N, C-alpha and C. Protein backbone atom coordinates (compact mmCIF):
# COMPACT_ATOMS: atom_id res chain seq x y z
N UNK A 1 103.48 103.49 81.87
CA UNK A 1 104.47 103.49 82.75
C UNK A 1 104.15 101.55 82.88
N UNK A 2 104.98 100.12 82.25
CA UNK A 2 104.11 98.98 83.00
C UNK A 2 104.73 98.78 84.19
N UNK A 3 103.86 98.43 85.45
CA UNK A 3 104.60 97.84 86.32
C UNK A 3 104.23 96.90 86.82
N UNK A 4 103.77 95.76 85.85
CA UNK A 4 103.71 94.52 85.97
C UNK A 4 103.34 93.59 84.50
N UNK A 5 104.90 93.01 83.73
CA UNK A 5 105.17 92.50 82.71
C UNK A 5 104.93 91.29 82.70
N UNK A 6 104.18 89.88 81.94
CA UNK A 6 104.08 88.90 82.16
C UNK A 6 104.09 88.77 80.93
N UNK A 7 105.30 87.12 79.99
CA UNK A 7 105.95 86.74 79.07
C UNK A 7 105.61 85.69 78.79
N UNK A 8 104.88 85.54 77.97
CA UNK A 8 104.82 83.40 77.38
C UNK A 8 105.14 82.72 78.59
N UNK A 9 104.42 83.04 79.72
CA UNK A 9 104.10 82.64 80.93
C UNK A 9 103.94 81.04 80.59
N UNK A 10 104.17 79.81 81.62
CA UNK A 10 103.28 78.01 81.19
C UNK A 10 103.93 78.10 82.72
N UNK A 11 102.57 77.66 83.43
CA UNK A 11 103.35 76.97 84.62
C UNK A 11 102.07 76.01 84.63
N UNK A 12 101.98 74.92 86.15
CA UNK A 12 101.22 73.98 86.51
C UNK A 12 101.67 72.78 87.96
N UNK A 13 100.87 72.07 87.72
CA UNK A 13 101.09 71.68 89.42
C UNK A 13 101.29 69.52 89.01
N UNK A 14 103.02 69.57 89.17
CA UNK A 14 103.14 68.60 88.54
C UNK A 14 103.83 68.11 86.99
N UNK A 15 102.84 67.34 87.04
CA UNK A 15 103.37 66.92 84.92
C UNK A 15 101.91 67.52 84.19
N UNK A 16 100.86 68.00 85.25
CA UNK A 16 100.20 69.11 84.70
C UNK A 16 100.40 70.54 84.25
N UNK A 17 100.24 70.91 83.20
CA UNK A 17 100.64 72.44 82.32
C UNK A 17 99.04 73.05 82.61
N UNK A 18 99.29 73.68 83.28
CA UNK A 18 97.91 74.80 82.93
C UNK A 18 97.49 76.54 82.46
N UNK A 19 98.94 76.65 82.17
CA UNK A 19 99.02 77.96 81.26
C UNK A 19 100.55 77.44 80.71
N UNK A 20 99.36 78.30 79.22
CA UNK A 20 100.39 78.15 77.59
C UNK A 20 100.86 78.85 76.89
N UNK A 21 101.89 80.14 77.66
CA UNK A 21 102.11 81.01 77.51
C UNK A 21 101.57 81.87 77.38
N UNK A 22 101.49 82.30 78.25
CA UNK A 22 100.62 83.95 78.10
C UNK A 22 101.32 85.05 78.36
N UNK A 23 100.45 86.01 77.83
CA UNK A 23 101.83 87.50 78.56
C UNK A 23 100.01 88.61 78.38
N UNK A 24 100.74 89.12 79.33
CA UNK A 24 99.63 90.23 79.71
C UNK A 24 100.54 91.05 80.52
N UNK A 25 100.01 91.92 80.21
CA UNK A 25 100.90 93.65 81.26
C UNK A 25 99.75 94.52 82.28
N UNK A 26 100.26 95.35 82.89
CA UNK A 26 99.19 96.32 83.63
C UNK A 26 100.32 97.21 83.76
N UNK A 27 99.45 98.00 83.06
CA UNK A 27 100.27 99.76 83.64
C UNK A 27 100.05 100.81 84.88
N UNK A 28 100.72 101.03 85.32
CA UNK A 28 100.20 101.75 86.26
C UNK A 28 99.47 102.88 86.58
N UNK A 29 98.78 102.56 87.81
CA UNK A 29 97.84 103.33 87.96
C UNK A 29 96.74 102.54 86.76
N UNK A 30 96.34 101.37 87.08
CA UNK A 30 94.98 100.19 85.97
C UNK A 30 94.79 99.46 86.66
N UNK A 31 93.38 99.26 86.18
CA UNK A 31 92.54 98.14 86.62
C UNK A 31 92.80 97.38 85.70
N UNK A 32 93.95 96.37 86.17
CA UNK A 32 93.35 95.39 84.07
C UNK A 32 93.12 93.47 85.49
N UNK A 33 91.48 93.12 84.54
CA UNK A 33 90.96 91.85 84.56
C UNK A 33 91.10 90.75 83.85
N UNK A 34 91.11 89.54 84.71
CA UNK A 34 91.44 88.75 83.75
C UNK A 34 90.00 87.60 84.24
N UNK A 35 89.25 87.04 82.82
CA UNK A 35 88.18 86.46 82.95
C UNK A 35 88.29 85.27 82.59
N UNK A 36 87.38 84.12 82.58
CA UNK A 36 87.72 83.30 81.78
C UNK A 36 86.76 81.72 82.98
N UNK A 37 86.48 80.88 82.49
CA UNK A 37 85.82 80.69 83.12
C UNK A 37 86.86 79.32 84.58
N UNK A 38 86.09 78.64 85.49
CA UNK A 38 87.04 77.71 86.69
C UNK A 38 87.48 76.74 85.50
N UNK A 39 88.59 76.66 86.32
CA UNK A 39 89.86 75.96 85.18
C UNK A 39 90.29 76.51 84.16
N UNK A 40 90.27 77.79 84.16
CA UNK A 40 90.83 78.09 82.38
C UNK A 40 92.79 78.18 82.92
N UNK A 41 92.63 78.51 84.57
CA UNK A 41 94.09 79.23 84.84
C UNK A 41 94.45 80.20 85.46
N UNK A 42 92.80 80.31 85.45
CA UNK A 42 93.24 82.39 86.38
C UNK A 42 94.21 82.59 87.94
N UNK A 43 93.38 81.76 88.42
CA UNK A 43 94.62 81.40 90.00
C UNK A 43 96.00 81.06 89.91
N UNK A 44 95.89 80.19 88.51
CA UNK A 44 97.03 79.76 88.65
C UNK A 44 98.03 81.06 87.77
N UNK A 45 97.75 81.84 87.01
CA UNK A 45 98.06 83.20 86.83
C UNK A 45 98.93 84.07 87.75
N UNK A 46 97.97 84.25 88.87
CA UNK A 46 98.03 85.51 90.27
C UNK A 46 99.16 84.54 91.12
N UNK A 47 98.72 82.77 91.44
CA UNK A 47 99.92 81.89 92.29
C UNK A 47 101.41 82.52 91.03
N UNK A 48 101.57 81.73 90.29
CA UNK A 48 102.03 81.90 89.48
C UNK A 48 103.51 83.01 89.41
N UNK A 49 102.69 84.29 89.92
CA UNK A 49 103.44 86.00 90.04
C UNK A 49 103.71 86.00 90.83
N UNK A 50 103.05 85.49 92.18
CA UNK A 50 103.27 85.66 93.49
C UNK A 50 104.95 84.44 93.94
N UNK A 51 104.75 84.14 93.34
CA UNK A 51 105.65 83.07 93.49
C UNK A 51 105.65 81.55 93.47
N UNK A 52 104.16 81.11 93.99
CA UNK A 52 103.37 79.91 95.18
C UNK A 52 103.07 79.30 93.77
N UNK A 53 103.79 79.39 91.94
CA UNK A 53 103.89 77.57 92.28
C UNK A 53 105.46 77.47 90.54
N UNK A 54 105.53 77.00 90.36
CA UNK A 54 106.63 76.75 89.77
C UNK A 54 106.13 77.62 88.09
N UNK A 55 106.91 78.07 87.61
CA UNK A 55 106.70 78.56 85.84
C UNK A 55 107.61 78.80 85.48
N UNK A 56 107.76 79.09 84.17
CA UNK A 56 108.77 79.47 82.96
C UNK A 56 108.02 81.11 82.12
N UNK A 57 109.18 81.52 82.14
CA UNK A 57 108.13 82.81 81.18
C UNK A 57 109.35 83.70 82.33
N UNK A 58 108.50 85.31 81.54
CA UNK A 58 109.17 85.83 82.88
C UNK A 58 108.34 86.77 83.50
N UNK A 59 108.21 87.49 84.89
CA UNK A 59 107.51 88.30 84.76
C UNK A 59 108.27 89.47 85.68
N UNK A 60 107.83 90.71 85.24
CA UNK A 60 108.92 91.69 85.99
C UNK A 60 108.18 92.39 86.68
N UNK A 61 107.68 92.87 87.32
CA UNK A 61 107.21 94.05 88.18
C UNK A 61 108.47 95.64 88.24
N UNK A 62 108.42 96.53 87.43
CA UNK A 62 109.34 97.74 87.92
C UNK A 62 110.39 96.98 86.67
N UNK A 63 110.16 96.42 85.85
CA UNK A 63 111.02 95.97 85.40
C UNK A 63 112.26 94.89 85.26
N UNK A 64 111.89 95.00 87.25
CA UNK A 64 112.36 94.02 87.40
C UNK A 64 112.26 92.35 87.71
N UNK A 65 112.82 91.68 87.13
CA UNK A 65 112.72 89.65 87.13
C UNK A 65 112.15 89.32 88.39
N UNK A 66 111.27 89.02 88.35
CA UNK A 66 110.86 87.56 89.56
C UNK A 66 110.86 86.82 90.02
N UNK A 67 110.76 85.72 88.87
CA UNK A 67 110.81 84.57 88.36
C UNK A 67 112.44 84.08 88.96
N UNK A 68 111.99 83.25 90.00
CA UNK A 68 112.76 82.42 90.50
C UNK A 68 112.50 82.78 92.13
N UNK A 69 112.61 84.33 92.40
CA UNK A 69 112.12 84.40 93.80
C UNK A 69 111.21 83.79 94.36
N UNK A 70 111.32 83.90 95.82
CA UNK A 70 110.96 83.69 97.10
C UNK A 70 109.71 84.42 96.86
N UNK A 71 108.24 83.67 97.27
CA UNK A 71 107.43 84.69 97.78
C UNK A 71 107.15 85.45 98.41
N UNK A 72 108.28 85.34 99.12
CA UNK A 72 108.21 86.49 100.37
C UNK A 72 108.94 88.11 99.60
N UNK A 73 110.61 87.00 99.46
CA UNK A 73 111.49 88.60 98.51
C UNK A 73 110.21 89.06 97.86
N UNK A 74 109.06 88.49 96.78
CA UNK A 74 108.39 89.36 95.81
C UNK A 74 107.03 89.83 96.25
N UNK A 75 106.27 89.78 97.77
CA UNK A 75 105.93 90.21 98.71
C UNK A 75 106.45 91.59 99.23
N UNK A 76 107.59 91.83 99.31
CA UNK A 76 108.30 93.13 99.83
C UNK A 76 109.53 93.88 98.82
N UNK A 77 108.71 93.47 97.34
CA UNK A 77 109.07 94.14 96.54
C UNK A 77 107.53 94.87 95.66
N UNK A 78 106.78 94.57 96.87
CA UNK A 78 105.20 94.88 95.92
C UNK A 78 104.37 94.46 95.67
N UNK A 79 103.91 93.76 95.92
CA UNK A 79 103.37 92.65 95.03
C UNK A 79 102.50 91.62 96.28
N UNK A 80 101.09 91.81 96.10
CA UNK A 80 100.26 92.24 97.25
C UNK A 80 99.44 90.87 96.56
N UNK A 81 98.72 89.96 97.43
CA UNK A 81 98.78 88.98 96.86
C UNK A 81 96.89 88.72 97.85
N UNK A 82 95.77 89.52 97.46
CA UNK A 82 94.42 88.36 97.80
C UNK A 82 94.28 87.40 97.56
N UNK A 83 94.81 85.79 98.43
CA UNK A 83 93.91 84.97 97.52
C UNK A 83 92.80 84.73 97.42
N UNK A 84 91.86 83.96 96.54
CA UNK A 84 90.74 83.47 96.70
C UNK A 84 90.44 82.52 98.13
N UNK A 85 89.53 82.45 98.67
CA UNK A 85 88.47 82.22 99.54
C UNK A 85 89.81 83.06 101.76
N UNK A 86 90.12 84.79 101.57
CA UNK A 86 90.20 85.66 101.75
C UNK A 86 90.98 85.76 102.76
N UNK A 87 91.52 84.20 103.05
CA UNK A 87 92.65 84.05 103.91
C UNK A 87 93.04 85.13 104.25
N UNK A 88 92.53 84.75 106.37
CA UNK A 88 92.39 86.18 107.16
C UNK A 88 92.51 84.99 107.99
N UNK A 89 93.53 85.28 108.94
CA UNK A 89 94.38 85.08 110.27
C UNK A 89 93.01 85.05 111.16
N UNK A 90 92.17 84.33 111.38
CA UNK A 90 90.81 84.11 112.06
C UNK A 90 91.05 84.09 113.35
N UNK A 91 92.25 83.99 114.03
CA UNK A 91 92.48 83.41 115.53
C UNK A 91 93.00 84.91 116.30
N UNK A 92 93.32 85.99 114.82
CA UNK A 92 93.53 87.83 115.02
C UNK A 92 92.45 87.97 115.18
N UNK A 93 92.63 89.74 115.79
CA UNK A 93 91.31 90.53 116.00
C UNK A 93 91.27 91.16 114.52
N UNK A 94 90.65 92.15 114.10
CA UNK A 94 91.07 93.18 112.77
C UNK A 94 91.90 93.31 112.82
N UNK A 95 92.55 94.18 113.91
CA UNK A 95 93.63 95.35 113.88
C UNK A 95 95.02 94.62 114.07
N UNK A 96 94.97 93.54 114.01
CA UNK A 96 96.23 92.49 114.32
C UNK A 96 96.44 92.32 112.49
N UNK A 97 95.03 91.95 112.10
CA UNK A 97 95.65 91.09 110.65
C UNK A 97 95.83 92.34 109.89
N UNK A 98 95.07 93.73 109.75
CA UNK A 98 96.61 95.02 109.22
C UNK A 98 97.27 94.80 109.71
N UNK A 99 97.75 94.75 111.17
CA UNK A 99 99.51 95.92 111.31
C UNK A 99 99.84 94.05 110.64
N UNK A 100 99.39 92.90 110.51
CA UNK A 100 100.46 91.65 109.05
C UNK A 100 100.28 92.36 108.62
N UNK A 101 99.49 92.87 107.48
CA UNK A 101 99.57 93.01 106.30
C UNK A 101 100.71 94.45 105.94
N UNK A 102 101.46 95.15 107.07
CA UNK A 102 102.09 96.03 107.59
C UNK A 102 103.64 95.27 107.99
N UNK A 103 104.22 93.98 107.76
CA UNK A 103 105.04 93.74 109.38
C UNK A 103 105.81 94.28 108.50
N UNK A 104 105.99 93.65 106.72
CA UNK A 104 107.62 94.20 106.32
C UNK A 104 108.19 96.15 106.63
N UNK A 105 107.12 97.09 106.39
CA UNK A 105 107.59 97.92 106.89
C UNK A 105 107.96 98.85 107.88
N UNK A 106 108.77 99.87 107.69
CA UNK A 106 109.27 100.46 108.68
C UNK A 106 108.67 101.70 109.09
N UNK A 107 107.80 102.16 108.83
CA UNK A 107 107.49 103.19 108.68
C UNK A 107 106.37 103.51 109.62
N UNK A 108 106.81 103.55 110.99
CA UNK A 108 105.73 102.99 111.90
C UNK A 108 104.54 104.19 111.95
N UNK A 109 105.50 105.53 111.95
CA UNK A 109 104.35 106.47 111.52
C UNK A 109 102.66 106.30 111.00
N UNK A 110 103.41 105.97 109.28
CA UNK A 110 102.90 105.68 108.29
C UNK A 110 102.11 104.54 108.28
N UNK A 111 102.72 103.75 109.05
CA UNK A 111 101.19 102.50 109.31
C UNK A 111 100.18 102.95 110.13
N UNK A 112 100.67 103.52 111.08
CA UNK A 112 99.32 104.00 112.01
C UNK A 112 98.45 105.14 110.69
N UNK A 113 98.99 105.69 109.90
CA UNK A 113 98.02 106.68 109.10
C UNK A 113 97.65 105.79 108.14
N UNK A 114 97.84 105.12 107.92
CA UNK A 114 97.15 103.64 106.57
C UNK A 114 95.93 103.10 107.66
N UNK A 115 96.26 102.66 108.48
CA UNK A 115 95.41 102.09 109.27
C UNK A 115 94.25 102.37 109.28
N UNK A 116 94.67 103.71 109.67
CA UNK A 116 92.91 104.98 109.63
C UNK A 116 92.33 105.15 108.53
N UNK A 117 93.73 104.92 107.59
CA UNK A 117 92.70 105.00 105.84
C UNK A 117 92.12 103.51 105.53
N UNK A 118 92.37 102.60 106.26
CA UNK A 118 91.42 101.35 105.63
C UNK A 118 90.25 101.37 106.49
N UNK A 119 90.14 101.47 107.80
CA UNK A 119 89.11 101.50 108.13
C UNK A 119 88.09 103.12 107.59
N UNK A 120 88.67 104.09 107.63
CA UNK A 120 88.00 104.88 106.46
C UNK A 120 87.27 103.90 104.93
N UNK A 121 87.86 103.72 104.48
CA UNK A 121 87.49 102.66 103.24
C UNK A 121 86.88 101.89 103.70
N UNK A 122 86.91 101.35 105.22
CA UNK A 122 86.04 99.43 105.52
C UNK A 122 85.29 100.02 106.59
N UNK A 123 84.70 100.75 106.53
CA UNK A 123 83.84 101.39 108.36
C UNK A 123 83.39 100.46 108.78
N UNK A 124 82.71 99.21 108.51
CA UNK A 124 82.80 98.07 109.27
C UNK A 124 83.41 97.33 110.29
N UNK A 125 85.45 97.93 109.46
CA UNK A 125 86.47 97.34 109.85
C UNK A 125 86.41 97.56 111.57
N UNK A 126 85.93 98.94 110.58
CA UNK A 126 86.37 99.47 112.44
C UNK A 126 85.52 99.39 113.50
N UNK A 127 84.15 99.29 113.15
CA UNK A 127 83.42 99.08 114.19
C UNK A 127 83.89 97.15 114.55
N UNK A 128 84.60 96.51 113.97
CA UNK A 128 85.27 95.59 114.41
C UNK A 128 86.67 95.19 115.09
N UNK A 129 87.10 96.40 114.56
CA UNK A 129 88.43 96.18 115.37
C UNK A 129 89.37 95.21 116.55
N UNK A 130 88.49 94.98 117.42
CA UNK A 130 88.99 94.12 118.18
C UNK A 130 88.07 92.96 118.64
N UNK A 131 87.28 92.39 117.31
CA UNK A 131 87.27 91.55 116.76
C UNK A 131 87.57 90.19 116.52
N UNK A 132 87.85 89.26 116.34
CA UNK A 132 88.21 87.75 115.91
C UNK A 132 88.59 87.79 114.43
N UNK A 133 89.21 87.55 113.35
CA UNK A 133 88.53 87.98 112.14
C UNK A 133 87.76 86.98 112.31
N UNK A 134 87.69 85.50 112.65
CA UNK A 134 86.78 84.49 112.66
C UNK A 134 85.34 84.05 112.31
N UNK A 135 85.47 85.11 113.51
CA UNK A 135 83.51 85.86 113.92
C UNK A 135 83.02 86.50 112.41
N UNK A 136 83.69 87.23 111.95
CA UNK A 136 83.19 87.87 110.75
C UNK A 136 82.48 87.37 110.36
N UNK A 137 81.57 88.35 109.39
CA UNK A 137 80.86 87.88 108.15
C UNK A 137 81.40 87.25 106.88
N UNK A 138 81.10 87.09 106.02
CA UNK A 138 81.95 86.45 104.65
C UNK A 138 82.53 87.16 104.15
N UNK A 139 81.47 88.94 104.14
CA UNK A 139 81.61 90.21 103.19
C UNK A 139 83.12 91.30 104.06
N UNK A 140 82.54 90.38 105.53
CA UNK A 140 83.55 91.39 106.02
C UNK A 140 85.21 91.36 106.22
N UNK A 141 84.74 89.56 105.91
CA UNK A 141 86.11 88.70 106.20
C UNK A 141 87.05 89.40 104.70
N UNK A 142 86.31 89.85 103.79
CA UNK A 142 86.95 90.13 102.09
C UNK A 142 87.13 91.49 102.73
N UNK A 143 86.56 92.75 102.61
CA UNK A 143 87.19 93.76 102.99
C UNK A 143 88.28 93.95 103.71
N UNK A 144 88.25 92.72 105.14
CA UNK A 144 89.90 92.24 105.45
C UNK A 144 91.46 92.30 104.95
N UNK A 145 90.75 91.03 104.12
CA UNK A 145 91.85 90.55 103.46
C UNK A 145 92.48 91.66 102.45
N UNK A 146 91.37 92.24 101.75
CA UNK A 146 91.53 93.71 100.93
C UNK A 146 92.94 94.78 101.72
N UNK A 147 92.01 94.81 102.68
CA UNK A 147 92.62 96.42 103.83
C UNK A 147 93.84 95.47 104.48
N UNK A 148 93.76 94.33 104.52
CA UNK A 148 95.67 94.14 105.13
C UNK A 148 96.28 93.49 103.48
N UNK A 149 95.93 93.39 102.37
CA UNK A 149 97.13 94.10 101.35
C UNK A 149 97.02 95.63 100.83
N UNK A 150 96.36 95.80 100.94
CA UNK A 150 96.68 96.97 100.99
C UNK A 150 97.82 98.09 101.87
N UNK A 151 97.88 97.34 103.62
CA UNK A 151 98.83 97.85 104.34
C UNK A 151 99.93 97.48 103.89
N UNK A 152 100.46 96.42 103.22
CA UNK A 152 101.51 96.33 101.86
C UNK A 152 102.73 98.02 101.44
N UNK A 153 101.42 98.51 100.84
CA UNK A 153 101.60 99.37 100.25
C UNK A 153 101.98 99.47 98.61
N UNK A 154 101.47 97.98 97.97
CA UNK A 154 101.82 97.24 96.87
C UNK A 154 102.60 98.40 95.86
N UNK A 155 102.91 98.13 94.88
CA UNK A 155 103.16 98.06 93.73
C UNK A 155 102.01 97.45 92.69
N UNK A 156 101.02 96.42 93.27
CA UNK A 156 100.69 95.73 92.40
C UNK A 156 99.75 95.22 93.04
N UNK A 157 98.42 94.76 93.27
CA UNK A 157 97.53 94.34 94.25
C UNK A 157 96.85 93.02 93.68
N UNK A 158 97.49 91.96 93.28
CA UNK A 158 96.44 91.15 92.86
C UNK A 158 95.17 90.20 94.07
N UNK A 159 94.09 90.69 93.16
CA UNK A 159 92.75 89.96 93.66
C UNK A 159 92.30 88.68 92.58
N UNK A 160 92.21 87.66 94.13
CA UNK A 160 91.30 86.59 93.12
C UNK A 160 90.05 86.29 93.69
N UNK A 161 89.47 86.19 92.85
CA UNK A 161 88.08 86.29 93.29
C UNK A 161 86.86 86.78 94.86
N UNK A 162 87.27 87.89 94.61
CA UNK A 162 86.70 89.16 95.53
C UNK A 162 85.57 88.97 95.91
N UNK A 163 84.66 88.40 95.31
CA UNK A 163 82.95 88.74 95.19
C UNK A 163 82.78 87.37 95.16
N UNK A 164 83.94 86.19 95.36
CA UNK A 164 83.51 85.46 95.87
C UNK A 164 81.91 84.78 96.70
N UNK A 165 80.52 84.10 97.15
CA UNK A 165 80.05 84.01 97.70
C UNK A 165 79.43 84.91 98.80
N UNK A 166 79.78 86.63 97.89
CA UNK A 166 79.48 87.30 99.06
C UNK A 166 78.03 87.71 98.37
N UNK A 167 77.42 88.29 99.21
CA UNK A 167 75.71 88.40 98.74
C UNK A 167 75.62 89.48 97.38
N UNK A 168 74.84 89.93 97.03
CA UNK A 168 75.08 91.80 95.78
C UNK A 168 75.00 93.03 96.06
N UNK A 169 75.14 92.94 97.16
CA UNK A 169 74.74 94.42 97.70
C UNK A 169 76.23 94.75 98.75
N UNK A 170 76.67 93.89 99.14
CA UNK A 170 78.22 93.27 99.59
C UNK A 170 79.44 93.42 98.76
N UNK A 171 78.64 93.43 97.07
CA UNK A 171 79.77 93.23 96.29
C UNK A 171 79.84 93.96 95.61
N UNK A 172 78.75 94.20 95.58
CA UNK A 172 78.93 95.97 94.75
C UNK A 172 79.57 96.93 95.88
N UNK A 173 79.40 97.33 96.87
CA UNK A 173 79.85 98.49 98.20
C UNK A 173 81.66 97.66 97.09
N UNK A 174 81.85 96.41 97.52
CA UNK A 174 83.41 95.78 97.10
C UNK A 174 83.67 96.32 96.27
N UNK A 175 83.02 96.61 94.96
CA UNK A 175 83.62 96.75 93.53
C UNK A 175 84.00 98.43 94.00
N UNK A 176 83.17 99.06 94.30
CA UNK A 176 83.25 100.73 94.52
C UNK A 176 83.69 101.08 95.23
N UNK A 177 84.81 100.04 96.50
CA UNK A 177 85.43 100.16 97.29
C UNK A 177 87.02 100.74 96.35
N UNK A 178 87.15 98.55 95.77
CA UNK A 178 88.32 99.46 95.03
C UNK A 178 88.31 100.18 93.63
N UNK A 179 87.34 101.13 93.15
CA UNK A 179 87.09 102.01 92.49
C UNK A 179 88.05 103.20 92.74
N UNK A 180 87.63 102.82 94.39
CA UNK A 180 87.90 104.03 94.53
C UNK A 180 88.80 103.96 95.03
N UNK A 181 89.92 102.65 95.71
CA UNK A 181 91.29 102.47 96.19
C UNK A 181 92.60 102.96 94.91
N UNK A 182 91.48 102.60 93.50
CA UNK A 182 92.31 102.79 92.11
C UNK A 182 92.20 104.57 92.31
N UNK A 183 91.44 104.85 92.35
CA UNK A 183 91.42 106.70 91.88
C UNK A 183 92.00 107.71 92.39
N UNK A 184 91.25 106.65 94.26
CA UNK A 184 92.30 107.99 95.07
C UNK A 184 93.80 107.64 95.73
N UNK A 185 93.81 106.42 95.63
CA UNK A 185 95.37 105.81 96.01
C UNK A 185 96.04 105.46 94.81
N UNK A 186 95.34 105.63 93.62
CA UNK A 186 96.61 105.32 92.62
C UNK A 186 96.84 103.89 92.63
N UNK A 187 96.21 102.84 93.22
CA UNK A 187 97.09 101.52 93.36
C UNK A 187 96.09 100.50 92.08
N UNK A 188 97.30 99.88 90.99
CA UNK A 188 97.26 99.06 90.07
C UNK A 188 97.18 97.92 90.58
N UNK A 189 96.38 97.13 89.84
CA UNK A 189 95.58 95.87 89.96
C UNK A 189 95.30 94.92 89.09
N UNK A 190 95.22 94.00 89.43
CA UNK A 190 95.01 92.80 88.49
C UNK A 190 94.38 91.66 89.71
N UNK A 191 92.63 91.74 88.49
CA UNK A 191 91.81 90.80 89.69
C UNK A 191 91.45 90.18 88.48
N UNK A 192 91.51 89.14 89.26
CA UNK A 192 90.63 87.17 88.28
C UNK A 192 89.35 87.51 89.24
N UNK A 193 87.87 87.63 87.99
CA UNK A 193 86.59 87.72 88.83
C UNK A 193 85.72 86.41 87.90
N UNK A 194 84.90 85.91 88.23
CA UNK A 194 84.36 85.80 87.38
C UNK A 194 82.26 86.29 87.49
N UNK A 195 82.60 87.66 88.28
CA UNK A 195 81.04 88.70 87.66
C UNK A 195 82.33 89.60 87.17
N UNK A 196 82.17 88.86 86.14
CA UNK A 196 82.75 89.85 84.91
C UNK A 196 81.36 91.27 84.66
N UNK A 197 80.65 91.26 84.77
CA UNK A 197 79.58 93.14 85.12
C UNK A 197 80.39 93.47 85.73
N UNK A 198 80.52 93.02 87.05
CA UNK A 198 81.81 94.35 88.02
C UNK A 198 82.60 94.37 88.08
N UNK A 199 82.96 93.83 87.35
CA UNK A 199 84.84 93.63 87.04
C UNK A 199 85.07 94.41 85.83
N UNK A 200 84.13 94.43 84.77
CA UNK A 200 84.71 94.95 84.29
C UNK A 200 84.36 96.35 84.11
N UNK A 201 82.86 96.93 84.92
CA UNK A 201 83.14 98.40 85.29
C UNK A 201 84.15 98.78 85.80
N UNK A 202 84.77 98.37 86.53
CA UNK A 202 86.42 99.48 87.22
C UNK A 202 87.44 98.98 86.36
N UNK A 203 87.15 98.07 85.25
CA UNK A 203 88.68 97.79 85.05
C UNK A 203 89.45 98.66 83.70
N UNK A 204 90.18 98.50 82.69
CA UNK A 204 90.43 99.45 82.56
C UNK A 204 91.24 98.84 81.17
N UNK A 205 91.24 97.54 80.90
CA UNK A 205 91.75 96.74 80.19
C UNK A 205 91.58 95.30 80.40
N UNK A 206 91.09 94.35 79.50
CA UNK A 206 90.94 93.01 80.23
C UNK A 206 91.18 92.56 79.77
N UNK A 207 91.36 90.48 79.65
CA UNK A 207 92.15 89.33 79.25
C UNK A 207 91.10 88.56 79.41
N UNK A 208 91.20 87.65 78.53
CA UNK A 208 90.34 86.48 78.58
C UNK A 208 90.83 85.22 78.56
N UNK A 209 91.10 84.40 79.79
CA UNK A 209 91.64 83.50 79.52
C UNK A 209 90.94 82.24 78.94
N UNK A 210 91.00 80.82 78.04
CA UNK A 210 90.41 79.68 78.23
C UNK A 210 91.67 78.38 78.04
N UNK A 211 91.41 77.91 78.52
CA UNK A 211 92.36 76.73 79.15
C UNK A 211 94.10 77.06 78.46
N UNK A 212 93.86 77.68 79.09
CA UNK A 212 95.38 77.75 79.81
C UNK A 212 95.88 79.29 78.59
N UNK A 213 95.43 79.52 77.88
CA UNK A 213 95.88 80.40 76.78
C UNK A 213 94.51 81.88 75.94
N UNK A 214 95.14 82.78 76.39
CA UNK A 214 94.88 84.18 75.94
C UNK A 214 93.74 84.18 74.64
N UNK A 215 92.52 84.26 75.02
CA UNK A 215 91.60 83.77 73.76
C UNK A 215 91.05 85.38 73.75
N UNK A 216 91.05 86.51 74.05
CA UNK A 216 90.25 88.08 73.73
C UNK A 216 91.49 89.09 75.03
N UNK A 217 91.42 90.06 74.56
CA UNK A 217 92.33 90.98 75.16
C UNK A 217 91.46 92.58 74.48
N UNK A 218 91.58 93.26 75.25
CA UNK A 218 91.59 94.90 74.70
C UNK A 218 90.86 95.65 75.94
N UNK A 219 90.83 97.01 75.66
CA UNK A 219 89.98 97.39 76.82
C UNK A 219 88.71 97.08 77.14
N UNK A 220 88.84 97.32 78.23
CA UNK A 220 87.20 96.76 78.73
C UNK A 220 86.45 97.14 78.21
N UNK A 221 85.50 98.12 78.16
CA UNK A 221 84.75 98.91 77.42
C UNK A 221 84.57 98.03 76.02
N UNK A 222 85.27 97.77 75.08
CA UNK A 222 85.06 96.83 74.43
C UNK A 222 85.19 95.45 74.20
N UNK A 223 85.51 95.18 75.57
CA UNK A 223 85.75 93.29 76.51
C UNK A 223 83.88 93.17 75.92
N UNK A 224 83.23 94.49 76.88
CA UNK A 224 82.03 94.18 77.48
C UNK A 224 81.10 94.13 76.48
N UNK A 225 81.41 95.33 75.48
CA UNK A 225 80.26 94.66 74.34
C UNK A 225 80.86 94.24 73.33
N UNK A 226 81.97 92.93 73.53
CA UNK A 226 82.24 91.72 72.31
C UNK A 226 80.74 90.81 72.66
N UNK A 227 79.95 90.19 71.29
CA UNK A 227 79.49 89.92 71.59
C UNK A 227 79.38 88.35 72.26
N UNK A 228 80.89 87.44 71.94
CA UNK A 228 80.38 86.22 72.48
C UNK A 228 81.59 86.19 73.62
N UNK A 229 81.98 87.65 74.53
CA UNK A 229 81.95 87.93 75.49
C UNK A 229 80.44 87.75 76.86
N UNK A 230 79.44 88.57 75.79
CA UNK A 230 79.08 88.93 76.31
C UNK A 230 77.52 87.55 76.61
N UNK A 231 77.76 87.19 75.52
CA UNK A 231 76.50 86.02 75.34
C UNK A 231 77.09 85.22 76.77
N UNK A 232 79.09 84.56 77.13
CA UNK A 232 79.35 83.66 77.72
C UNK A 232 79.72 84.00 79.39
N UNK A 233 79.50 84.97 79.75
CA UNK A 233 79.49 86.00 80.94
C UNK A 233 79.12 86.78 81.03
N UNK A 234 78.39 87.97 80.62
CA UNK A 234 77.47 89.01 80.79
C UNK A 234 76.14 88.40 81.26
N UNK A 235 75.98 87.50 80.69
CA UNK A 235 74.20 87.43 80.89
C UNK A 235 73.09 87.58 79.40
N UNK A 236 74.13 88.13 78.12
CA UNK A 236 72.67 88.39 77.34
C UNK A 236 72.95 87.71 76.64
């Protein structure tokens, strides 16, 4: 079953068109990854899905059209967007940030259970739960951004450059946790990532975006073995 289905999506800023009719689908319980150079349109794709930029075409979540909906309405339907740059509420504590992620939910008992699950996934957050988010390291803030998004219990989790600015060991730990989230919680994901090595290791399907168009797509293992991709993104 396709959780997210994008068809002929165009989007941009003012008169500048960034996306030129792209189509992407993400099956339930899978991880899709969107690769591409800076300026290719990866972030714009996620922002269009979330209703943060004007776009044309079709964006379906569980068969329901999202086009024309406000970002808050899209989030209520189950699209969680962990934007580039983490976007934590720096003056709130770790625990308060996680609760903000669940503010649209009414199931208080289940929220408490999910809070414990986030602390199990990210033990560092438990250690820091009373600290303000602004005092956390970059890696801890990224963990918090992912945990907060998961508190929505999303139908699809959109992650924009989760490894940006992180040390290699922190990047590896984060992607190991994302793989665990997908495996154990069944969370469907669409990840924008420049570190193709890491992203392709946990992905089921991959798209390569160049100048606002999809230039290549296929199962992640096939994309990882593609000579052009290896030369451009994998350092071979």
